[in-house]
Amino acid sequence: MGTSSNWSFGRRVLAMTHERLTGEELPPDNLLFHDDVYDFGWNGVRSQASSPDNFDDSMLPTPDFAVYLINAVKFHCGGLFYLYDEDSFMNRMSRFHENPSEFSQRFPLWYVQYLLLLAFGKAFATPAVKSRWPAGIELFTQAMKEMPDLTFFDADPLELIQVLCCKALYLQCLNRRSPAHRTIGNALRLALENGLHTEMYSPLLDADYVRKCQIMWWNIYILERQMSSLQGIPAGIPEECISTPFPPLAGSALKIQVNLSQILSKIDQTVYGAEGKIGSRYLEATRSVLRDIAGVAEQVNSAFNIQTKKAFKGISRVAAHIHLLQHQCIIMSTRPLLYIFLQAKLDRADNQLMRWLQSESITGLLNICVESSQQIIRILWCLLDQGLLETFLPFDLDAAFSSTIAILMSKATHSSLVQDHSHWIDRAYTIISEMSSRGSVIAVMIKGELKRVDSNLQQLLSSGDESAGLTGDIFQESGCSDEAPVEDSQGDFASSMFNSSDLQYELSAEQLIS
């Protein structure tokens, strides 16, 4: 995976600290790999027993429970993703329950979508159980067995795209990142074949149909851009090839998610660059990204302003998701400096690099990385208090991981970067532990890796000569208080540092992350 991947970045930090501590390469034992988490109990080979002709409704919920599960999907995903058209889907579901066997054979693709949404619903609505499988995984497996061969199956493009989006998102929830990325890639190519990326102006096209196509396109776009970023893989279509407008009355959440997804793609292309390496123009690229984030931050705070003071009225899931994504963009664009700084400290870097790393502009970048990490933990803590912390959708866990490892590295780099370090780490571990207690096996493994990084850093710093690293309180204090509102100061700060000459320093190849 490319360097922009959270998973890859965390593994690089763990490998570096392990090698410095032991002199040996990091062994793969007890590490999180995407195929190791859940066993589907099926190898993908269809048999006669799994044929749609052999309909088995033993695992299906009762009609009233099915409605409850679909409503759970609407609550958790409806404000973020367009996984189904509610009116037509609920109408078909009512007809399905009149004669399930006949209806599933007449509309096999709809039946697959039904099973997928039920799988999501059970994962969202069913209380945690002591199991290595999320609730509803058997419904997902059955959906895959029922999936028609798309080489020959003649399906409505929009319906098929929705099914592929459901499948991709579910696979992402199970940490099957590569299959998820391939699946959303198939949805993207199907959308391109049907012109969803174009303006679609034609008197022959119904306005409502065009609007659905526009919503579907941007839904695919968001999922594809975010999954590509998590993989560290280039986006599937260049921005200049997209001409479809935003649908009327789509809401600000869709537009902001698209803008942040564009920034994710830009980070992968410009901050990390070709081959996933940090180039000599890293700071110039970071300056451009921070300017873009500052522009989106104004939209975010206007539409989804949130507070975490004691008197706050609550945080909606949509608002939290957007703020978390915004802060992850900031962390992704600035954390390479943390890696370089930590590497410099462990390797006793030359004085020129140290002076550059201690400059006001670099210190500012490190501070906003820490501030965004703390903001993420504040938001997740508020969600935990409200009982709204996600344990199946991967986004909260990704945010917790990226923020925690940034704070761990910041403390190891220099204590003045993070005020009250133990407070933030304890809260982060509590958040991840809550996800673990509610059945997330992935959270268990993520916490284990973070603990290993934490332990390695503590051992390295306690056993090493302090003169090998940085001395003196060279960093400005971030000034973050736990009672501070969750509002973004990064935009103003970024604007004030854009013209600094310190940002023009260029690193040589051996001083960069490879």
Protein backbone atom coordinates (compact mmCIF):
# COMPACT_ATOMS: atom_id res chain seq x y z
CA MET A 1 0.00 0.00 0.00
CA GLY A 2 1.07 3.58 -0.62
CA THR A 3 2.34 5.89 2.08
CA SER A 4 -0.92 7.85 2.21
CA SER A 5 -2.60 4.75 3.63
CA ASN A 6 -3.23 5.01 7.39
CA TRP A 7 -2.47 1.32 7.70
CA SER A 8 0.80 1.65 5.79
CA PHE A 9 1.89 4.72 7.74
CA GLY A 10 1.23 3.05 11.09
CA ARG A 11 3.07 -0.07 10.01
CA ARG A 12 6.08 2.02 8.91
CA VAL A 13 6.25 3.68 12.32
CA LEU A 14 5.94 0.33 14.09
CA ALA A 15 8.60 -1.24 11.86
CA MET A 16 11.01 1.68 12.34
CA THR A 17 10.72 1.69 16.13
CA HIS A 18 10.95 -2.10 16.32
CA GLU A 19 14.11 -2.17 14.20
CA ARG A 20 15.74 0.61 16.25
CA LEU A 21 14.87 -1.22 19.45
CA THR A 22 15.80 -4.79 18.49
CA GLY A 23 18.01 -4.46 15.43
CA GLU A 24 15.69 -6.88 13.63
CA GLU A 25 12.89 -6.56 11.10
CA LEU A 26 9.33 -6.47 12.37
CA PRO A 27 7.82 -10.01 12.39
CA PRO A 28 4.31 -10.37 10.96
CA ASP A 29 2.93 -12.17 14.02
CA ASN A 30 -0.20 -10.65 15.59
CA LEU A 31 -0.37 -7.82 13.07
CA LEU A 32 -3.49 -6.66 11.26
CA PHE A 33 -3.68 -7.86 7.67
CA HIS A 34 -6.75 -7.30 5.55
CA ASP A 35 -7.57 -10.96 4.90
CA ASP A 36 -7.03 -12.22 8.44
CA VAL A 37 -9.83 -10.65 10.45
CA TYR A 38 -13.05 -12.47 9.55
CA ASP A 39 -13.70 -15.90 8.07
CA PHE A 40 -16.76 -15.87 5.82
CA GLY A 41 -17.10 -19.64 5.93
CA TRP A 42 -17.21 -19.67 2.12
CA ASN A 43 -14.41 -19.77 -0.45
CA GLY A 44 -16.33 -18.03 -3.24
CA VAL A 45 -17.10 -21.17 -5.26
CA ARG A 46 -20.81 -21.48 -5.98
CA SER A 47 -22.40 -24.90 -5.75
CA GLN A 48 -25.75 -26.28 -6.78
CA ALA A 49 -26.86 -26.02 -3.16
CA SER A 50 -26.39 -22.24 -3.26
CA SER A 51 -28.36 -21.81 -6.49
CA PRO A 52 -31.16 -19.20 -6.37
CA ASP A 53 -33.54 -22.00 -7.33
CA ASN A 54 -32.94 -23.49 -3.87
CA PHE A 55 -34.46 -20.61 -1.93
CA ASP A 56 -33.87 -20.73 1.83
CA ASP A 57 -35.61 -18.13 3.97
CA SER A 58 -34.50 -19.58 7.31
CA MET A 59 -32.03 -16.73 7.93
CA LEU A 60 -34.37 -13.93 6.88
CA PRO A 61 -35.91 -11.69 9.56
CA THR A 62 -39.64 -11.24 10.00
CA PRO A 63 -41.19 -8.37 8.02
CA ASP A 64 -41.41 -6.01 11.00
CA PHE A 65 -37.83 -6.76 12.06
CA ALA A 66 -36.68 -6.25 8.46
CA VAL A 67 -38.21 -2.75 8.46
CA TYR A 68 -36.39 -2.03 11.72
CA LEU A 69 -33.07 -3.15 10.22
CA ILE A 70 -33.53 -1.07 7.08
CA ASN A 71 -34.29 1.96 9.25
CA ALA A 72 -31.04 1.31 11.14
CA VAL A 73 -29.20 1.47 7.81
CA LYS A 74 -30.99 4.72 7.00
CA PHE A 75 -29.88 6.25 10.32
CA HIS A 76 -26.25 5.17 10.07
CA CYS A 77 -25.70 5.63 6.32
CA GLY A 78 -28.56 7.66 4.89
CA GLY A 79 -26.98 11.05 5.46
CA LEU A 80 -23.66 9.97 3.97
CA PHE A 81 -24.21 7.42 1.19
CA TYR A 82 -26.90 6.65 -1.39
CA LEU A 83 -27.12 2.89 -0.95
CA TYR A 84 -30.76 2.46 -1.99
CA ASP A 85 -33.70 4.44 -3.31
CA GLU A 86 -36.04 4.42 -0.33
CA ASP A 87 -39.42 4.67 -2.04
CA SER A 88 -38.90 1.99 -4.69
CA PHE A 89 -36.96 -0.28 -2.33
CA MET A 90 -39.60 -0.25 0.42
CA ASN A 91 -42.34 -0.84 -2.16
CA ARG A 92 -40.51 -3.90 -3.45
CA MET A 93 -39.84 -5.12 0.07
CA SER A 94 -43.56 -5.09 0.81
CA ARG A 95 -44.21 -7.15 -2.33
CA PHE A 96 -41.33 -9.49 -1.49
CA HIS A 97 -42.89 -10.49 1.83
CA GLU A 98 -46.08 -11.55 0.04
CA ASN A 99 -44.20 -14.34 -1.76
CA PRO A 100 -40.46 -14.34 -0.96
CA SER A 101 -39.46 -17.32 -3.09
CA GLU A 102 -41.14 -16.14 -6.27
CA PHE A 103 -40.10 -12.50 -5.86
CA SER A 104 -36.44 -13.34 -5.22
CA GLN A 105 -36.31 -15.31 -8.49
CA ARG A 106 -38.07 -12.59 -10.49
CA PHE A 107 -35.83 -9.83 -9.10
CA PRO A 108 -32.54 -11.52 -8.16
CA LEU A 109 -30.46 -8.33 -8.05
CA TRP A 110 -32.95 -6.60 -5.77
CA TYR A 111 -32.85 -9.66 -3.51
CA VAL A 112 -29.05 -9.36 -3.29
CA GLN A 113 -29.43 -5.70 -2.34
CA TYR A 114 -32.02 -6.68 0.27
CA LEU A 115 -29.66 -9.20 1.85
CA LEU A 116 -26.80 -6.68 1.86
CA LEU A 117 -28.88 -4.02 3.58
CA LEU A 118 -30.12 -6.55 6.13
CA ALA A 119 -26.49 -7.49 6.82
CA PHE A 120 -25.69 -3.84 7.46
CA GLY A 121 -28.80 -3.44 9.60
CA LYS A 122 -27.98 -6.39 11.84
CA ALA A 123 -24.42 -5.13 12.30
CA PHE A 124 -25.78 -1.72 13.35
CA ALA A 125 -28.75 -2.81 15.45
CA THR A 126 -27.79 -6.09 17.09
CA PRO A 127 -26.14 -5.81 20.53
CA ALA A 128 -22.52 -6.88 20.79
CA VAL A 129 -21.90 -10.56 21.30
CA LYS A 130 -18.72 -12.44 22.11
CA SER A 131 -18.07 -13.66 18.60
CA ARG A 132 -15.37 -13.32 15.98
CA TRP A 133 -18.02 -12.46 13.39
CA PRO A 134 -20.18 -9.33 13.15
CA ALA A 135 -23.91 -9.88 13.35
CA GLY A 136 -25.40 -10.38 9.89
CA ILE A 137 -22.28 -11.67 8.16
CA GLU A 138 -24.21 -14.78 7.11
CA LEU A 139 -26.60 -12.51 5.17
CA PHE A 140 -23.68 -10.92 3.34
CA THR A 141 -22.27 -14.34 2.46
CA GLN A 142 -25.67 -15.43 1.17
CA ALA A 143 -25.90 -12.25 -0.90
CA MET A 144 -22.58 -13.09 -2.56
CA LYS A 145 -23.82 -16.60 -3.32
CA GLU A 146 -26.98 -15.14 -4.86
CA MET A 147 -25.17 -12.48 -6.93
CA PRO A 148 -25.91 -13.00 -10.65
CA ASP A 149 -23.04 -13.41 -13.10
CA LEU A 150 -22.76 -9.83 -14.33
CA THR A 151 -21.15 -10.96 -17.59
CA PHE A 152 -24.53 -12.20 -18.78
CA PHE A 153 -27.06 -10.64 -16.42
CA ASP A 154 -28.99 -7.71 -17.92
CA ALA A 155 -29.52 -5.29 -15.04
CA ASP A 156 -30.63 -1.72 -14.57
CA PRO A 157 -27.33 0.22 -14.33
CA LEU A 158 -28.36 2.33 -11.33
CA GLU A 159 -29.60 -0.68 -9.40
CA LEU A 160 -26.42 -2.60 -10.15
CA ILE A 161 -24.24 0.37 -9.15
CA GLN A 162 -26.07 0.61 -5.82
CA VAL A 163 -25.51 -3.09 -5.17
CA LEU A 164 -21.80 -2.73 -5.94
CA CYS A 165 -21.56 0.28 -3.61
CA CYS A 166 -23.24 -1.71 -0.83
CA LYS A 167 -20.88 -4.61 -1.39
CA ALA A 168 -17.79 -2.37 -1.47
CA LEU A 169 -18.72 -0.55 1.72
CA TYR A 170 -19.49 -3.80 3.55
CA LEU A 171 -16.14 -5.27 2.51
CA GLN A 172 -14.44 -2.10 3.75
CA CYS A 173 -16.17 -2.56 7.10
CA LEU A 174 -14.68 -6.06 7.32
CA ASN A 175 -11.19 -4.70 6.58
CA ARG A 176 -11.18 -6.35 3.14
CA ARG A 177 -9.64 -3.26 1.63
CA SER A 178 -8.41 -4.66 -1.69
CA PRO A 179 -11.67 -6.44 -2.65
CA ALA A 180 -13.58 -3.33 -1.56
CA HIS A 181 -11.43 -1.14 -3.80
CA ARG A 182 -11.86 -3.49 -6.76
CA THR A 183 -15.62 -3.54 -6.23
CA ILE A 184 -16.00 0.23 -6.09
CA GLY A 185 -13.77 0.35 -9.17
CA ASN A 186 -16.28 -1.84 -11.00
CA ALA A 187 -19.07 0.53 -9.93
CA LEU A 188 -17.03 3.48 -11.19
CA ARG A 189 -16.43 1.88 -14.59
CA LEU A 190 -20.11 0.98 -14.94
CA ALA A 191 -21.00 4.60 -14.15
CA LEU A 192 -18.53 5.83 -16.77
CA GLU A 193 -19.99 3.47 -19.38
CA ASN A 194 -23.41 4.99 -18.75
CA GLY A 195 -22.23 8.59 -18.80
CA LEU A 196 -22.94 9.43 -15.17
CA HIS A 197 -19.81 11.58 -15.05
CA THR A 198 -21.20 13.87 -17.78
CA GLU A 199 -23.81 16.62 -17.72
CA MET A 200 -26.47 14.27 -19.21
CA TYR A 201 -28.39 17.11 -20.85
CA SER A 202 -30.99 15.59 -23.17
CA PRO A 203 -34.73 16.14 -23.74
CA LEU A 204 -35.07 12.35 -23.79
CA LEU A 205 -33.93 11.99 -20.18
CA ASP A 206 -36.37 12.46 -17.34
CA ALA A 207 -35.28 15.14 -14.83
CA ASP A 208 -35.82 12.82 -11.87
CA TYR A 209 -33.71 10.13 -13.52
CA VAL A 210 -30.90 12.61 -14.19
CA ARG A 211 -31.00 13.74 -10.57
CA LYS A 212 -30.68 10.12 -9.38
CA CYS A 213 -27.74 9.65 -11.74
CA GLN A 214 -26.06 12.75 -10.33
CA ILE A 215 -26.53 11.59 -6.74
CA MET A 216 -25.27 8.14 -7.68
CA TRP A 217 -22.19 9.53 -9.41
CA TRP A 218 -21.10 11.61 -6.43
CA ASN A 219 -21.82 8.69 -4.10
CA ILE A 220 -19.44 6.53 -6.15
CA TYR A 221 -16.94 9.38 -6.30
CA ILE A 222 -16.81 9.78 -2.51
CA LEU A 223 -16.45 6.05 -1.86
CA GLU A 224 -13.86 5.56 -4.60
CA ARG A 225 -11.73 8.53 -3.56
CA GLN A 226 -11.76 7.55 0.11
CA MET A 227 -11.04 3.87 -0.56
CA SER A 228 -8.22 4.80 -2.94
CA SER A 229 -6.72 7.05 -0.28
CA LEU A 230 -6.91 4.29 2.33
CA GLN A 231 -5.05 2.06 -0.12
CA GLY A 232 -2.59 4.73 -1.18
CA ILE A 233 -3.68 4.15 -4.79
CA PRO A 234 -4.24 6.82 -7.49
CA ALA A 235 -7.84 7.81 -8.11
CA GLY A 236 -9.77 6.01 -10.83
CA ILE A 237 -10.69 9.07 -12.91
CA PRO A 238 -9.01 12.49 -13.26
CA GLU A 239 -10.93 15.51 -12.01
CA GLU A 240 -10.86 17.17 -15.42
CA CYS A 241 -12.91 14.31 -16.91
CA ILE A 242 -15.87 14.96 -14.60
CA SER A 243 -18.51 17.44 -15.75
CA THR A 244 -21.68 16.29 -13.99
CA PRO A 245 -23.10 18.99 -11.70
CA PHE A 246 -24.30 18.55 -8.16
CA PRO A 247 -27.97 17.57 -8.02
CA PRO A 248 -30.47 20.27 -7.04
CA LEU A 249 -31.32 20.33 -3.32
CA ALA A 250 -28.71 17.68 -2.58
CA GLY A 251 -27.68 19.32 0.68
CA SER A 252 -24.36 20.66 1.91
CA ALA A 253 -23.17 17.31 3.30
CA LEU A 254 -22.75 15.85 -0.19
CA LYS A 255 -20.88 18.89 -1.52
CA ILE A 256 -18.52 19.05 1.47
CA GLN A 257 -17.80 15.32 1.30
CA VAL A 258 -16.95 15.67 -2.38
CA ASN A 259 -14.64 18.62 -1.65
CA LEU A 260 -12.84 16.72 1.10
CA SER A 261 -12.58 13.65 -1.13
CA GLN A 262 -10.96 15.84 -3.80
CA ILE A 263 -8.44 16.97 -1.18
CA LEU A 264 -7.69 13.35 -0.25
CA SER A 265 -6.88 12.65 -3.88
CA LYS A 266 -4.73 15.77 -4.10
CA ILE A 267 -2.80 14.72 -0.99
CA ASP A 268 -2.03 11.35 -2.56
CA GLN A 269 -0.96 12.92 -5.85
CA THR A 270 1.02 15.94 -4.63
CA VAL A 271 2.01 15.51 -0.99
CA TYR A 272 3.10 11.89 -1.33
CA GLY A 273 3.71 11.94 -5.07
CA ALA A 274 4.82 9.20 -7.44
CA GLU A 275 5.70 5.82 -5.97
CA GLY A 276 4.24 6.95 -2.64
CA LYS A 277 7.40 8.92 -1.77
CA ILE A 278 7.73 12.34 -0.21
CA GLY A 279 9.40 14.62 -2.74
CA SER A 280 11.54 17.71 -2.32
CA ARG A 281 8.48 19.88 -3.04
CA TYR A 282 6.58 18.43 -0.09
CA LEU A 283 6.17 21.73 1.75
CA GLU A 284 4.93 23.53 -1.35
CA ALA A 285 2.34 20.78 -1.88
CA THR A 286 1.34 20.85 1.78
CA ARG A 287 0.88 24.62 1.63
CA SER A 288 -1.52 24.18 -1.31
CA VAL A 289 -3.46 21.42 0.44
CA LEU A 290 -3.82 23.45 3.64
CA ARG A 291 -5.16 26.37 1.60
CA ASP A 292 -7.80 24.05 0.13
CA ILE A 293 -8.68 22.69 3.56
CA ALA A 294 -9.01 26.23 4.91
CA GLY A 295 -11.55 26.96 2.18
CA VAL A 296 -13.60 23.86 2.93
CA ALA A 297 -13.36 24.54 6.69
CA GLU A 298 -15.45 27.67 6.19
CA GLN A 299 -18.19 25.58 4.58
CA VAL A 300 -17.95 22.92 7.30
CA ASN A 301 -18.22 25.39 10.16
CA SER A 302 -21.07 27.23 8.45
CA ALA A 303 -23.17 24.13 7.81
CA PHE A 304 -22.02 21.78 10.59
CA ASN A 305 -20.57 23.87 13.41
CA ILE A 306 -20.14 21.73 16.52
CA GLN A 307 -19.09 22.39 20.11
CA THR A 308 -17.82 20.05 22.80
CA LYS A 309 -18.21 22.29 25.81
CA LYS A 310 -20.17 20.92 28.77
CA ALA A 311 -23.36 22.59 27.58
CA PHE A 312 -23.26 21.18 24.06
CA LYS A 313 -26.55 19.97 22.64
CA GLY A 314 -25.15 16.96 20.86
CA ILE A 315 -23.28 16.12 17.69
CA SER A 316 -25.06 14.60 14.72
CA ARG A 317 -23.45 11.64 12.99
CA VAL A 318 -23.24 13.52 9.69
CA ALA A 319 -21.56 16.55 11.27
CA ALA A 320 -19.13 14.35 13.18
CA HIS A 321 -18.24 12.35 10.07
CA ILE A 322 -17.47 15.50 8.07
CA HIS A 323 -15.37 17.08 10.83
CA LEU A 324 -13.44 13.85 11.33
CA LEU A 325 -12.73 13.61 7.61
CA GLN A 326 -11.55 17.22 7.50
CA HIS A 327 -9.11 16.70 10.39
CA GLN A 328 -7.82 13.48 8.85
CA CYS A 329 -6.97 15.45 5.70
CA ILE A 330 -4.89 17.79 7.86
CA ILE A 331 -3.14 14.92 9.63
CA MET A 332 -2.40 13.10 6.37
CA SER A 333 -0.79 16.17 4.84
CA THR A 334 1.36 17.05 7.87
CA ARG A 335 2.28 13.73 9.48
CA PRO A 336 5.25 13.07 7.13
CA LEU A 337 7.04 15.80 9.10
CA LEU A 338 6.42 13.83 12.29
CA TYR A 339 7.95 10.78 10.66
CA ILE A 340 10.99 12.75 9.48
CA PHE A 341 11.36 14.35 12.90
CA LEU A 342 11.11 11.04 14.75
CA GLN A 343 13.51 9.41 12.32
CA ALA A 344 15.92 12.33 12.77
CA LYS A 345 15.78 12.00 16.53
CA LEU A 346 16.43 8.27 16.47
CA ASP A 347 19.20 8.57 13.87
CA ARG A 348 20.96 11.62 15.38
CA ALA A 349 20.43 13.71 12.26
CA ASP A 350 22.73 16.49 11.06
CA ASN A 351 22.45 20.01 12.47
CA GLN A 352 21.13 21.51 9.22
CA LEU A 353 18.09 19.26 9.24
CA MET A 354 17.54 19.90 12.94
CA ARG A 355 17.61 23.67 12.45
CA TRP A 356 15.10 23.35 9.62
CA LEU A 357 12.81 21.13 11.69
CA GLN A 358 12.95 23.68 14.52
CA SER A 359 11.93 26.61 12.30
CA GLU A 360 8.74 28.49 13.10
CA SER A 361 6.88 27.32 10.00
CA ILE A 362 7.71 23.65 10.53
CA THR A 363 6.76 23.96 14.18
CA GLY A 364 3.46 25.44 13.07
CA LEU A 365 2.75 22.51 10.77
CA LEU A 366 3.50 20.06 13.56
CA ASN A 367 1.24 21.98 15.92
CA ILE A 368 -1.75 21.90 13.58
CA CYS A 369 -1.20 18.16 13.11
CA VAL A 370 -1.39 17.73 16.89
CA GLU A 371 -4.39 20.07 17.16
CA SER A 372 -6.33 18.10 14.54
CA SER A 373 -5.47 14.87 16.34
CA GLN A 374 -6.82 16.30 19.58
CA GLN A 375 -9.95 17.58 17.84
CA ILE A 376 -10.62 14.09 16.51
CA ILE A 377 -10.36 12.60 19.99
CA ARG A 378 -12.70 15.30 21.36
CA ILE A 379 -15.31 14.55 18.70
CA LEU A 380 -15.07 10.78 19.20
CA TRP A 381 -15.34 11.28 22.96
CA CYS A 382 -18.56 13.27 22.49
CA LEU A 383 -19.92 10.52 20.24
CA LEU A 384 -19.01 7.98 22.91
CA ASP A 385 -20.92 10.00 25.52
CA GLN A 386 -23.96 10.10 23.23
CA GLY A 387 -23.81 6.40 22.37
CA LEU A 388 -23.19 7.27 18.71
CA LEU A 389 -19.71 5.83 18.29
CA GLU A 390 -19.56 3.64 15.17
CA THR A 391 -18.19 0.15 15.62
CA PHE A 392 -19.04 -1.38 12.23
CA LEU A 393 -18.49 1.41 9.73
CA PRO A 394 -14.71 1.93 9.63
CA PHE A 395 -14.52 5.71 9.68
CA ASP A 396 -14.43 6.36 13.44
CA LEU A 397 -11.79 3.69 13.97
CA ASP A 398 -9.67 5.07 11.11
CA ALA A 399 -9.89 8.53 12.69
CA ALA A 400 -9.00 7.19 16.13
CA PHE A 401 -5.99 5.32 14.74
CA SER A 402 -4.57 8.21 12.71
CA SER A 403 -4.97 10.70 15.57
CA THR A 404 -3.54 8.40 18.24
CA ILE A 405 -0.41 7.48 16.33
CA ALA A 406 0.20 11.17 15.54
CA ILE A 407 0.00 12.06 19.23
CA LEU A 408 2.29 9.16 20.18
CA MET A 409 4.87 10.35 17.65
CA SER A 410 4.52 13.97 18.73
CA LYS A 411 5.19 13.13 22.36
CA ALA A 412 8.21 11.06 21.39
CA THR A 413 9.54 13.85 19.19
CA HIS A 414 9.31 16.46 21.94
CA SER A 415 7.09 16.71 24.99
CA SER A 416 6.10 20.34 24.38
CA LEU A 417 4.27 19.38 21.18
CA VAL A 418 1.51 17.72 23.23
CA GLN A 419 0.20 19.13 26.48
CA ASP A 420 -1.07 16.46 28.90
CA HIS A 421 -0.06 13.59 26.64
CA SER A 422 -1.39 10.83 28.91
CA HIS A 423 -4.86 12.42 28.96
CA TRP A 424 -5.21 12.23 25.18
CA ILE A 425 -3.79 8.73 24.86
CA ASP A 426 -5.97 7.40 27.69
CA ARG A 427 -9.05 8.82 26.01
CA ALA A 428 -8.03 7.39 22.66
CA TYR A 429 -7.53 3.93 24.16
CA THR A 430 -10.88 4.20 25.94
CA ILE A 431 -12.60 5.01 22.65
CA ILE A 432 -10.98 2.08 20.84
CA SER A 433 -11.70 -0.22 23.81
CA GLU A 434 -15.38 0.71 23.56
CA MET A 435 -15.35 -0.36 19.92
CA SER A 436 -13.65 -3.60 20.94
CA SER A 437 -16.21 -4.31 23.66
CA ARG A 438 -18.99 -3.91 21.11
CA GLY A 439 -17.63 -6.67 18.93
CA SER A 440 -15.04 -5.04 16.66
CA VAL A 441 -12.22 -7.53 16.21
CA ILE A 442 -10.45 -4.95 14.04
CA ALA A 443 -10.43 -2.49 16.95
CA VAL A 444 -8.81 -5.13 19.17
CA MET A 445 -5.97 -5.57 16.68
CA ILE A 446 -5.62 -1.82 16.04
CA LYS A 447 -5.28 -1.15 19.76
CA GLY A 448 -2.66 -3.88 20.01
CA GLU A 449 -0.54 -2.25 17.29
CA LEU A 450 -0.86 1.19 18.87
CA LYS A 451 0.20 -0.26 22.23
CA ARG A 452 3.26 -1.77 20.56
CA VAL A 453 4.20 1.57 19.01
CA ASP A 454 3.66 3.25 22.39
CA SER A 455 5.81 0.68 24.18
CA ASN A 456 8.59 0.84 21.58
CA LEU A 457 8.76 4.62 21.76
CA GLN A 458 8.84 4.64 25.55
CA GLN A 459 11.64 2.08 25.62
CA LEU A 460 13.65 3.95 22.99
CA LEU A 461 13.33 7.29 24.76
CA SER A 462 13.98 5.92 28.24
CA SER A 463 17.05 3.93 27.21
CA GLY A 464 18.51 6.40 24.72
CA ASP A 465 20.82 9.33 25.30
CA GLU A 466 18.70 12.49 25.38
CA SER A 467 21.44 14.30 23.53
CA ALA A 468 20.72 12.07 20.56
CA GLY A 469 17.45 13.84 20.10
CA LEU A 470 16.21 17.38 20.56
CA THR A 471 16.93 19.39 23.64
CA GLY A 472 15.26 22.45 25.03
CA ASP A 473 11.68 23.62 24.76
CA ILE A 474 11.92 24.63 21.13
CA PHE A 475 8.27 24.21 20.23
CA GLN A 476 5.47 26.62 20.71
CA GLU A 477 2.75 25.22 22.92
CA SER A 478 -0.33 24.27 20.98
CA GLY A 479 -2.58 25.84 23.59
CA CYS A 480 -5.22 23.14 23.25
CA SER A 481 -7.59 22.72 26.17
CA ASP A 482 -9.89 19.77 26.58
CA GLU A 483 -12.79 22.13 27.15
CA ALA A 484 -12.11 24.06 23.94
CA PRO A 485 -14.84 24.09 21.30
CA VAL A 486 -14.38 21.92 18.26
CA GLU A 487 -13.81 24.76 15.84
CA ASP A 488 -11.17 24.98 13.18
CA SER A 489 -8.38 27.49 13.65
CA GLN A 490 -6.27 25.77 11.01
CA GLY A 491 -7.60 27.94 8.20
CA ASP A 492 -6.39 31.24 9.71
CA PHE A 493 -3.14 29.70 10.86
CA ALA A 494 -2.42 28.17 7.47
CA SER A 495 -3.08 31.47 5.73
CA SER A 496 -0.62 33.29 7.99
CA MET A 497 2.25 30.94 7.19
CA PHE A 498 1.87 30.57 3.42
CA ASN A 499 4.38 33.28 2.58
CA SER A 500 7.07 32.13 5.00
CA SER A 501 10.50 31.64 3.47
CA ASP A 502 11.07 28.68 5.79
CA LEU A 503 8.71 26.67 3.61
CA GLN A 504 11.14 26.79 0.71
CA TYR A 505 13.72 24.54 2.34
CA GLU A 506 14.27 21.42 0.23
CA LEU A 507 15.25 18.06 1.65
CA SER A 508 17.76 15.84 -0.06
CA ALA A 509 16.75 12.34 -1.09
CA GLU A 510 18.34 10.65 1.90
CA GLN A 511 16.43 12.95 4.24
CA LEU A 512 13.03 12.01 2.87
CA ILE A 513 10.68 9.16 3.59
CA SER A 514 11.10 6.42 1.03
